[in-house]
PDB file of N, CA and C in Angstrom:
ATOM      1  N   MET A   1      65.329  -5.723 136.731  1.00  0.00           N
ATOM      2  CA  MET A   1      64.993  -5.071 138.323  1.00  0.00           C
ATOM      3  C   MET A   1      66.240  -5.196 139.864  1.00  0.00           C
ATOM      4  N   VAL A   2      67.356  -5.319 139.459  1.00  0.00           N
ATOM      5  CA  VAL A   2      68.626  -5.119 139.948  1.00  0.00           C
ATOM      6  C   VAL A   2      69.203  -3.743 139.467  1.00  0.00           C
ATOM      7  N   SER A   3      68.950  -2.841 140.818  1.00  0.00           N
ATOM      8  CA  SER A   3      70.268  -1.181 139.705  1.00  0.00           C
ATOM      9  C   SER A   3      71.529  -1.424 140.419  1.00  0.00           C
ATOM     10  N   ASP A   4      71.890  -2.287 141.532  1.00  0.00           N
ATOM     11  CA  ASP A   4      73.348  -2.291 142.326  1.00  0.00           C
ATOM     12  C   ASP A   4      73.016  -3.628 143.047  1.00  0.00           C
ATOM     13  N   LEU A   5      74.126  -4.138 142.323  1.00  0.00           N
ATOM     14  CA  LEU A   5      74.259  -5.338 143.176  1.00  0.00           C
ATOM     15  C   LEU A   5      76.028  -5.944 144.145  1.00  0.00           C
ATOM     16  N   ALA A   6      75.717  -5.471 145.712  1.00  0.00           N
ATOM     17  CA  ALA A   6      76.577  -5.847 146.787  1.00  0.00           C
ATOM     18  C   ALA A   6      76.820  -7.042 146.776  1.00  0.00           C
ATOM     19  N   LEU A   7      78.072  -7.806 146.249  1.00  0.00           N
ATOM     20  CA  LEU A   7      78.687  -8.588 146.978  1.00  0.00           C
ATOM     21  C   LEU A   7      80.339  -8.718 148.481  1.00  0.00           C
ATOM     22  N   PHE A   8      79.380  -8.967 148.940  1.00  0.00           N
ATOM     23  CA  PHE A   8      80.609  -9.610 150.224  1.00  0.00           C
ATOM     24  C   PHE A   8      80.932 -10.595 150.830  1.00  0.00           C
ATOM     25  N   ASP A   9      81.784 -10.646 151.008  1.00  0.00           N
ATOM     26  CA  ASP A   9      82.380 -11.814 151.637  1.00  0.00           C
ATOM     27  C   ASP A   9      83.573 -11.716 152.584  1.00  0.00           C
ATOM     28  N   ILE A  10      84.869 -13.076 152.867  1.00  0.00           N
ATOM     29  CA  ILE A  10      85.941 -12.409 153.120  1.00  0.00           C
ATOM     30  C   ILE A  10      86.977 -12.686 153.023  1.00  0.00           C
ATOM     31  N   VAL A  11      86.863 -13.503 151.324  1.00  0.00           N
ATOM     32  CA  VAL A  11      87.474 -13.219 150.354  1.00  0.00           C
ATOM     33  C   VAL A  11      86.962 -13.097 148.618  1.00  0.00           C
ATOM     34  N   ASN A  12      88.028 -13.040 148.336  1.00  0.00           N
ATOM     35  CA  ASN A  12      87.401 -13.243 146.560  1.00  0.00           C
ATOM     36  C   ASN A  12      85.894 -12.211 145.860  1.00  0.00           C
ATOM     37  N   THR A  13      85.630 -11.336 146.509  1.00  0.00           N
ATOM     38  CA  THR A  13      84.493 -10.862 145.693  1.00  0.00           C
ATOM     39  C   THR A  13      84.785  -9.863 145.015  1.00  0.00           C
ATOM     40  N   PRO A  14      85.390  -9.673 144.690  1.00  0.00           N
ATOM     41  CA  PRO A  14      86.056  -8.624 143.760  1.00  0.00           C
ATOM     42  C   PRO A  14      86.532  -9.137 142.730  1.00  0.00           C
ATOM     43  N   GLY A  15      87.233 -10.420 142.135  1.00  0.00           N
ATOM     44  CA  GLY A  15      86.694 -10.984 140.497  1.00  0.00           C
ATOM     45  C   GLY A  15      84.987 -11.594 141.061  1.00  0.00           C
ATOM     46  N   VAL A  16      84.667 -11.878 141.081  1.00  0.00           N
ATOM     47  CA  VAL A  16      83.523 -12.532 141.253  1.00  0.00           C
ATOM     48  C   VAL A  16      82.225 -11.202 140.671  1.00  0.00           C
ATOM     49  N   ALA A  17      82.720  -9.912 141.718  1.00  0.00           N
ATOM     50  CA  ALA A  17      81.708  -8.833 140.568  1.00  0.00           C
ATOM     51  C   ALA A  17      82.427  -7.976 139.886  1.00  0.00           C
ATOM     52  N   ALA A  18      83.307  -8.649 138.950  1.00  0.00           N
ATOM     53  CA  ALA A  18      83.267  -7.924 138.001  1.00  0.00           C
ATOM     54  C   ALA A  18      83.402  -9.260 136.849  1.00  0.00           C
ATOM     55  N   ASP A  19      83.764 -10.095 136.990  1.00  0.00           N
ATOM     56  CA  ASP A  19      82.563 -11.339 136.061  1.00  0.00           C
ATOM     57  C   ASP A  19      81.074 -10.527 136.383  1.00  0.00           C
ATOM     58  N   LEU A  20      80.919 -10.845 137.343  1.00  0.00           N
ATOM     59  CA  LEU A  20      79.284 -10.390 136.673  1.00  0.00           C
ATOM     60  C   LEU A  20      79.463  -8.777 136.411  1.00  0.00           C
ATOM     61  N   SER A  21      79.897  -8.028 136.199  1.00  0.00           N
ATOM     62  CA  SER A  21      79.994  -6.890 135.599  1.00  0.00           C
ATOM     63  C   SER A  21      79.267  -7.167 134.206  1.00  0.00           C
ATOM     64  N   HIS A  22      79.696  -8.059 134.200  1.00  0.00           N
ATOM     65  CA  HIS A  22      80.028  -8.323 132.203  1.00  0.00           C
ATOM     66  C   HIS A  22      78.473  -8.666 131.395  1.00  0.00           C
ATOM     67  N   ILE A  23      77.911  -9.231 132.692  1.00  0.00           N
ATOM     68  CA  ILE A  23      76.610  -9.521 131.769  1.00  0.00           C
ATOM     69  C   ILE A  23      76.599  -8.341 131.344  1.00  0.00           C
ATOM     70  N   SER A  24      75.199  -8.587 130.270  1.00  0.00           N
ATOM     71  CA  SER A  24      74.442  -7.565 130.120  1.00  0.00           C
ATOM     72  C   SER A  24      72.883  -7.605 129.887  1.00  0.00           C
ATOM     73  N   THR A  25      73.612  -6.316 131.587  1.00  0.00           N
ATOM     74  CA  THR A  25      72.473  -6.046 132.610  1.00  0.00           C
ATOM     75  C   THR A  25      72.643  -4.659 133.048  1.00  0.00           C
ATOM     76  N   PRO A  26      71.972  -4.035 133.215  1.00  0.00           N
ATOM     77  CA  PRO A  26      72.407  -2.532 133.723  1.00  0.00           C
ATOM     78  C   PRO A  26      73.181  -2.176 135.387  1.00  0.00           C
ATOM     79  N   ALA A  27      72.460  -3.327 136.209  1.00  0.00           N
ATOM     80  CA  ALA A  27      73.148  -3.687 137.462  1.00  0.00           C
ATOM     81  C   ALA A  27      74.523  -3.099 137.445  1.00  0.00           C
ATOM     82  N   LYS A  28      74.397  -2.066 138.846  1.00  0.00           N
ATOM     83  CA  LYS A  28      75.687  -2.036 139.065  1.00  0.00           C
ATOM     84  C   LYS A  28      76.515  -2.964 139.963  1.00  0.00           C
ATOM     85  N   VAL A  29      77.471  -3.409 139.445  1.00  0.00           N
ATOM     86  CA  VAL A  29      78.304  -4.727 140.811  1.00  0.00           C
ATOM     87  C   VAL A  29      79.300  -5.064 140.991  1.00  0.00           C
ATOM     88  N   ALA A  30      79.218  -4.603 142.628  1.00  0.00           N
ATOM     89  CA  ALA A  30      81.007  -4.127 143.039  1.00  0.00           C
ATOM     90  C   ALA A  30      81.259  -5.261 144.470  1.00  0.00           C
ATOM     91  N   GLY A  31      82.175  -6.159 144.527  1.00  0.00           N
ATOM     92  CA  GLY A  31      82.365  -6.158 145.191  1.00  0.00           C
ATOM     93  C   GLY A  31      83.375  -5.998 146.865  1.00  0.00           C
ATOM     94  N   TYR A  32      82.405  -6.600 147.948  1.00  0.00           N
ATOM     95  CA  TYR A  32      83.634  -5.387 149.332  1.00  0.00           C
ATOM     96  C   TYR A  32      83.712  -6.565 150.161  1.00  0.00           C
ATOM     97  N   VAL A  33      85.249  -6.640 151.277  1.00  0.00           N
ATOM     98  CA  VAL A  33      85.932  -7.503 151.308  1.00  0.00           C
ATOM     99  C   VAL A  33      85.604  -6.972 153.115  1.00  0.00           C
ATOM    100  N   GLY A  34      85.938  -8.128 153.633  1.00  0.00           N
ATOM    101  CA  GLY A  34      86.468  -8.718 154.931  1.00  0.00           C
ATOM    102  C   GLY A  34      85.287  -7.248 156.136  1.00  0.00           C
ATOM    103  N   ASP A  35      84.969  -7.566 157.655  1.00  0.00           N
ATOM    104  CA  ASP A  35      84.261  -6.158 157.984  1.00  0.00           C
ATOM    105  C   ASP A  35      84.598  -5.013 158.489  1.00  0.00           C
ATOM    106  N   ASP A  36      85.936  -3.946 157.299  1.00  0.00           N
ATOM    107  CA  ASP A  36      86.281  -2.762 157.496  1.00  0.00           C
ATOM    108  C   ASP A  36      85.199  -2.675 156.676  1.00  0.00           C
ATOM    109  N   GLN A  37      84.374  -3.641 155.451  1.00  0.00           N
ATOM    110  CA  GLN A  37      83.706  -2.444 154.234  1.00  0.00           C
ATOM    111  C   GLN A  37      82.136  -3.678 154.336  1.00  0.00           C
ATOM    112  N   LEU A  38      81.499  -4.079 155.268  1.00  0.00           N
ATOM    113  CA  LEU A  38      80.725  -4.841 155.361  1.00  0.00           C
ATOM    114  C   LEU A  38      79.506  -3.237 155.596  1.00  0.00           C
ATOM    115  N   ALA A  39      80.138  -2.371 156.358  1.00  0.00           N
ATOM    116  CA  ALA A  39      78.988  -1.632 155.921  1.00  0.00           C
ATOM    117  C   ALA A  39      78.577  -0.762 154.526  1.00  0.00           C
ATOM    118  N   LEU A  40      79.803  -0.454 153.910  1.00  0.00           N
ATOM    119  CA  LEU A  40      79.634   0.525 152.533  1.00  0.00           C
ATOM    120  C   LEU A  40      78.716  -0.519 152.115  1.00  0.00           C
ATOM    121  N   ALA A  41      79.128  -2.655 151.794  1.00  0.00           N
ATOM    122  CA  ALA A  41      78.747  -3.379 150.976  1.00  0.00           C
ATOM    123  C   ALA A  41      76.441  -2.862 151.190  1.00  0.00           C
ATOM    124  N   LEU A  42      76.230  -3.293 152.353  1.00  0.00           N
ATOM    125  CA  LEU A  42      75.291  -2.693 152.499  1.00  0.00           C
ATOM    126  C   LEU A  42      74.023  -1.427 152.325  1.00  0.00           C
ATOM    127  N   THR A  43      75.158  -0.169 152.390  1.00  0.00           N
ATOM    128  CA  THR A  43      74.630   1.128 152.092  1.00  0.00           C
ATOM    129  C   THR A  43      73.816   1.617 151.362  1.00  0.00           C
ATOM    130  N   GLY A  44      72.307   1.786 151.082  1.00  0.00           N
ATOM    131  CA  GLY A  44      71.302   1.571 150.691  1.00  0.00           C
ATOM    132  C   GLY A  44      70.633  -0.187 149.843  1.00  0.00           C
ATOM    133  N   ALA A  45      71.374  -0.817 150.494  1.00  0.00           N
ATOM    134  CA  ALA A  45      70.018  -1.923 150.111  1.00  0.00           C
ATOM    135  C   ALA A  45      68.617  -1.488 150.792  1.00  0.00           C
ATOM    136  N   HIS A  46      68.041  -2.869 149.850  1.00  0.00           N
ATOM    137  CA  HIS A  46      66.930  -2.913 149.481  1.00  0.00           C
ATOM    138  C   HIS A  46      66.535  -4.647 150.609  1.00  0.00           C
ATOM    139  N   ILE A  47      67.281  -4.953 149.664  1.00  0.00           N
ATOM    140  CA  ILE A  47      67.438  -6.882 149.789  1.00  0.00           C
ATOM    141  C   ILE A  47      68.638  -7.117 150.924  1.00  0.00           C
ATOM    142  N   VAL A  48      68.172  -7.828 151.245  1.00  0.00           N
ATOM    143  CA  VAL A  48      69.900  -8.668 151.467  1.00  0.00           C
ATOM    144  C   VAL A  48      69.683 -10.272 151.675  1.00  0.00           C
ATOM    145  N   VAL A  49      70.555 -11.226 150.756  1.00  0.00           N
ATOM    146  CA  VAL A  49      70.910 -12.614 151.382  1.00  0.00           C
ATOM    147  C   VAL A  49      71.400 -13.206 151.523  1.00  0.00           C
ATOM    148  N   ILE A  50      71.891 -13.691 152.761  1.00  0.00           N
ATOM    149  CA  ILE A  50      72.262 -14.109 152.939  1.00  0.00           C
ATOM    150  C   ILE A  50      72.780 -15.775 152.413  1.00  0.00           C
ATOM    151  N   PRO A  51      73.923 -16.239 151.944  1.00  0.00           N
ATOM    152  CA  PRO A  51      73.552 -17.806 151.715  1.00  0.00           C
ATOM    153  C   PRO A  51      75.495 -18.234 152.568  1.00  0.00           C
ATOM    154  N   ALA A  52      75.389 -17.649 153.254  1.00  0.00           N
ATOM    155  CA  ALA A  52      76.443 -18.232 154.352  1.00  0.00           C
ATOM    156  C   ALA A  52      76.945 -19.025 155.322  1.00  0.00           C
ATOM    157  N   GLY A  53      78.032 -19.270 155.740  1.00  0.00           N
ATOM    158  CA  GLY A  53      78.298 -20.549 155.588  1.00  0.00           C
ATOM    159  C   GLY A  53      79.309 -21.476 155.178  1.00  0.00           C
ATOM    160  N   ILE A  54      79.942 -21.891 156.059  1.00  0.00           N
ATOM    161  CA  ILE A  54      81.273 -22.880 155.436  1.00  0.00           C
ATOM    162  C   ILE A  54      80.569 -24.558 155.350  1.00  0.00           C
ATOM    163  N   PRO A  55      81.461 -24.923 154.680  1.00  0.00           N
ATOM    164  CA  PRO A  55      80.766 -26.327 154.599  1.00  0.00           C
ATOM    165  C   PRO A  55      81.930 -27.621 155.545  1.00  0.00           C
ATOM    166  N   ARG A  56      80.529 -27.985 155.924  1.00  0.00           N
ATOM    167  CA  ARG A  56      81.498 -28.910 157.479  1.00  0.00           C
ATOM    168  C   ARG A  56      83.219 -29.972 156.843  1.00  0.00           C
ATOM    169  N   LYS A  57      84.260 -30.207 157.545  1.00  0.00           N
ATOM    170  CA  LYS A  57      85.168 -30.641 157.501  1.00  0.00           C
ATOM    171  C   LYS A  57      85.279 -32.029 157.622  1.00  0.00           C
ATOM    172  N   PRO A  58      86.252 -32.203 157.290  1.00  0.00           N
ATOM    173  CA  PRO A  58      86.251 -34.025 157.940  1.00  0.00           C
ATOM    174  C   PRO A  58      87.260 -33.496 159.049  1.00  0.00           C
ATOM    175  N   GLY A  59      86.653 -34.270 160.497  1.00  0.00           N
ATOM    176  CA  GLY A  59      86.501 -33.857 161.766  1.00  0.00           C
ATOM    177  C   GLY A  59      85.394 -33.357 162.461  1.00  0.00           C
ATOM    178  N   MET A  60      84.463 -32.573 162.027  1.00  0.00           N
ATOM    179  CA  MET A  60      83.946 -31.696 162.279  1.00  0.00           C
ATOM    180  C   MET A  60      82.970 -32.198 163.016  1.00  0.00           C
ATOM    181  N   THR A  61      82.381 -31.555 164.210  1.00  0.00           N
ATOM    182  CA  THR A  61      81.403 -32.184 164.496  1.00  0.00           C
ATOM    183  C   THR A  61      79.667 -31.362 163.799  1.00  0.00           C
ATOM    184  N   ARG A  62      79.044 -31.723 164.247  1.00  0.00           N
ATOM    185  CA  ARG A  62      78.018 -30.755 163.541  1.00  0.00           C
ATOM    186  C   ARG A  62      77.847 -29.381 164.767  1.00  0.00           C
ATOM    187  N   ASP A  63      78.761 -29.752 166.087  1.00  0.00           N
ATOM    188  CA  ASP A  63      78.387 -28.603 167.100  1.00  0.00           C
ATOM    189  C   ASP A  63      78.986 -27.063 166.295  1.00  0.00           C
ATOM    190  N   ASP A  64      80.719 -28.558 166.350  1.00  0.00           N
ATOM    191  CA  ASP A  64      81.769 -27.388 166.148  1.00  0.00           C
ATOM    192  C   ASP A  64      80.784 -26.869 164.459  1.00  0.00           C
ATOM    193  N   LEU A  65      79.853 -26.968 163.452  1.00  0.00           N
ATOM    194  CA  LEU A  65      79.862 -26.639 162.016  1.00  0.00           C
ATOM    195  C   LEU A  65      78.544 -25.376 162.346  1.00  0.00           C
ATOM    196  N   PHE A  66      77.944 -25.659 163.114  1.00  0.00           N
ATOM    197  CA  PHE A  66      77.086 -24.689 163.863  1.00  0.00           C
ATOM    198  C   PHE A  66      77.397 -23.514 164.486  1.00  0.00           C
ATOM    199  N   ASN A  67      77.823 -23.326 165.142  1.00  0.00           N
ATOM    200  CA  ASN A  67      78.041 -22.132 166.447  1.00  0.00           C
ATOM    201  C   ASN A  67      79.267 -21.268 165.136  1.00  0.00           C
ATOM    202  N   ILE A  68      80.566 -22.406 164.620  1.00  0.00           N
ATOM    203  CA  ILE A  68      80.526 -20.772 163.404  1.00  0.00           C
ATOM    204  C   ILE A  68      79.902 -20.638 162.171  1.00  0.00           C
ATOM    205  N   ASN A  69      79.279 -21.105 161.461  1.00  0.00           N
ATOM    206  CA  ASN A  69      78.348 -20.823 161.068  1.00  0.00           C
ATOM    207  C   ASN A  69      77.034 -19.693 161.374  1.00  0.00           C
ATOM    208  N   ALA A  70      76.836 -20.238 162.995  1.00  0.00           N
ATOM    209  CA  ALA A  70      75.906 -18.863 163.487  1.00  0.00           C
ATOM    210  C   ALA A  70      76.374 -17.543 163.746  1.00  0.00           C
ATOM    211  N   GLY A  71      77.661 -17.977 164.342  1.00  0.00           N
ATOM    212  CA  GLY A  71      78.597 -16.522 164.733  1.00  0.00           C
ATOM    213  C   GLY A  71      79.358 -16.128 162.650  1.00  0.00           C
ATOM    214  N   ILE A  72      78.954 -16.691 161.886  1.00  0.00           N
ATOM    215  CA  ILE A  72      78.763 -15.589 160.886  1.00  0.00           C
ATOM    216  C   ILE A  72      77.794 -15.020 160.368  1.00  0.00           C
ATOM    217  N   VAL A  73      76.520 -15.798 160.626  1.00  0.00           N
ATOM    218  CA  VAL A  73      75.330 -15.084 159.963  1.00  0.00           C
ATOM    219  C   VAL A  73      74.844 -14.180 161.551  1.00  0.00           C
ATOM    220  N   ARG A  74      75.013 -14.407 162.001  1.00  0.00           N
ATOM    221  CA  ARG A  74      75.238 -12.804 163.728  1.00  0.00           C
ATOM    222  C   ARG A  74      75.669 -11.676 163.360  1.00  0.00           C
ATOM    223  N   ASN A  75      77.041 -11.764 163.038  1.00  0.00           N
ATOM    224  CA  ASN A  75      77.984 -10.453 162.513  1.00  0.00           C
ATOM    225  C   ASN A  75      76.679  -9.862 161.336  1.00  0.00           C
ATOM    226  N   LEU A  76      76.222 -10.499 160.663  1.00  0.00           N
ATOM    227  CA  LEU A  76      76.130 -10.580 159.322  1.00  0.00           C
ATOM    228  C   LEU A  76      74.845  -9.729 160.181  1.00  0.00           C
ATOM    229  N   ALA A  77      73.826 -10.418 159.949  1.00  0.00           N
ATOM    230  CA  ALA A  77      71.980 -10.143 160.815  1.00  0.00           C
ATOM    231  C   ALA A  77      72.129  -8.788 161.386  1.00  0.00           C
ATOM    232  N   THR A  78      73.547  -8.896 162.732  1.00  0.00           N
ATOM    233  CA  THR A  78      73.333  -7.653 163.425  1.00  0.00           C
ATOM    234  C   THR A  78      73.756  -6.122 162.482  1.00  0.00           C
ATOM    235  N   ALA A  79      74.547  -6.468 161.525  1.00  0.00           N
ATOM    236  CA  ALA A  79      75.152  -5.248 160.439  1.00  0.00           C
ATOM    237  C   ALA A  79      73.240  -5.297 159.573  1.00  0.00           C
ATOM    238  N   CYS A  80      72.767  -6.608 159.784  1.00  0.00           N
ATOM    239  CA  CYS A  80      71.795  -5.754 158.076  1.00  0.00           C
ATOM    240  C   CYS A  80      70.311  -4.808 159.780  1.00  0.00           C
ATOM    241  N   ALA A  81      70.157  -5.797 160.426  1.00  0.00           N
ATOM    242  CA  ALA A  81      69.555  -4.537 161.975  1.00  0.00           C
ATOM    243  C   ALA A  81      69.791  -3.428 161.008  1.00  0.00           C
ATOM    244  N   LYS A  82      71.200  -2.821 161.461  1.00  0.00           N
ATOM    245  CA  LYS A  82      71.565  -1.433 161.312  1.00  0.00           C
ATOM    246  C   LYS A  82      70.503  -0.842 160.654  1.00  0.00           C
ATOM    247  N   LEU A  83      70.961  -1.083 159.156  1.00  0.00           N
ATOM    248  CA  LEU A  83      71.470  -0.738 158.380  1.00  0.00           C
ATOM    249  C   LEU A  83      70.513  -1.017 157.384  1.00  0.00           C
ATOM    250  N   VAL A  84      69.577  -1.702 157.156  1.00  0.00           N
ATOM    251  CA  VAL A  84      69.169  -2.066 155.761  1.00  0.00           C
ATOM    252  C   VAL A  84      67.223  -2.335 156.241  1.00  0.00           C
ATOM    253  N   TYR A  85      66.807  -1.850 155.219  1.00  0.00           N
ATOM    254  CA  TYR A  85      64.707  -2.329 155.872  1.00  0.00           C
ATOM    255  C   TYR A  85      64.733  -3.753 155.362  1.00  0.00           C
ATOM    256  N   LEU A  86      65.344  -4.787 154.622  1.00  0.00           N
ATOM    257  CA  LEU A  86      64.116  -5.888 154.680  1.00  0.00           C
ATOM    258  C   LEU A  86      65.657  -6.634 154.369  1.00  0.00           C
ATOM    259  N   PHE A  87      66.097  -7.801 155.475  1.00  0.00           N
ATOM    260  CA  PHE A  87      67.536  -9.453 154.843  1.00  0.00           C
ATOM    261  C   PHE A  87      66.560 -10.035 154.920  1.00  0.00           C
ATOM    262  N   VAL A  88      66.173 -11.274 154.212  1.00  0.00           N
ATOM    263  CA  VAL A  88      66.605 -12.780 154.385  1.00  0.00           C
ATOM    264  C   VAL A  88      67.458 -13.640 154.394  1.00  0.00           C
ATOM    265  N   ILE A  89      67.839 -14.712 155.222  1.00  0.00           N
ATOM    266  CA  ILE A  89      68.146 -15.545 155.467  1.00  0.00           C
ATOM    267  C   ILE A  89      68.587 -16.938 154.930  1.00  0.00           C
ATOM    268  N   ILE A  90      69.392 -17.311 154.366  1.00  0.00           N
ATOM    269  CA  ILE A  90      69.066 -18.915 153.695  1.00  0.00           C
ATOM    270  C   ILE A  90      69.880 -19.377 153.984  1.00  0.00           C
TER     271      ILE A  90
END
């Protein structure tokens, strides 16, 4: 039921997109990297799933982790609010 799948992150998405494109499906898969490609990744999207965030690292407080991840989700959610019909934050 997916015709286009856009992957977005700050690194590695073109390689992951290439791997996923080998799955036998009619879906077109593309990888986008960096803030300058965020609008391209979201253009035409009907649904956005955000499994974003970094894992907690040694020495990090829960507040540190929350602040970093909240910033990531804030930027993505703001872009989604401008460009997408429906989005879900996981």
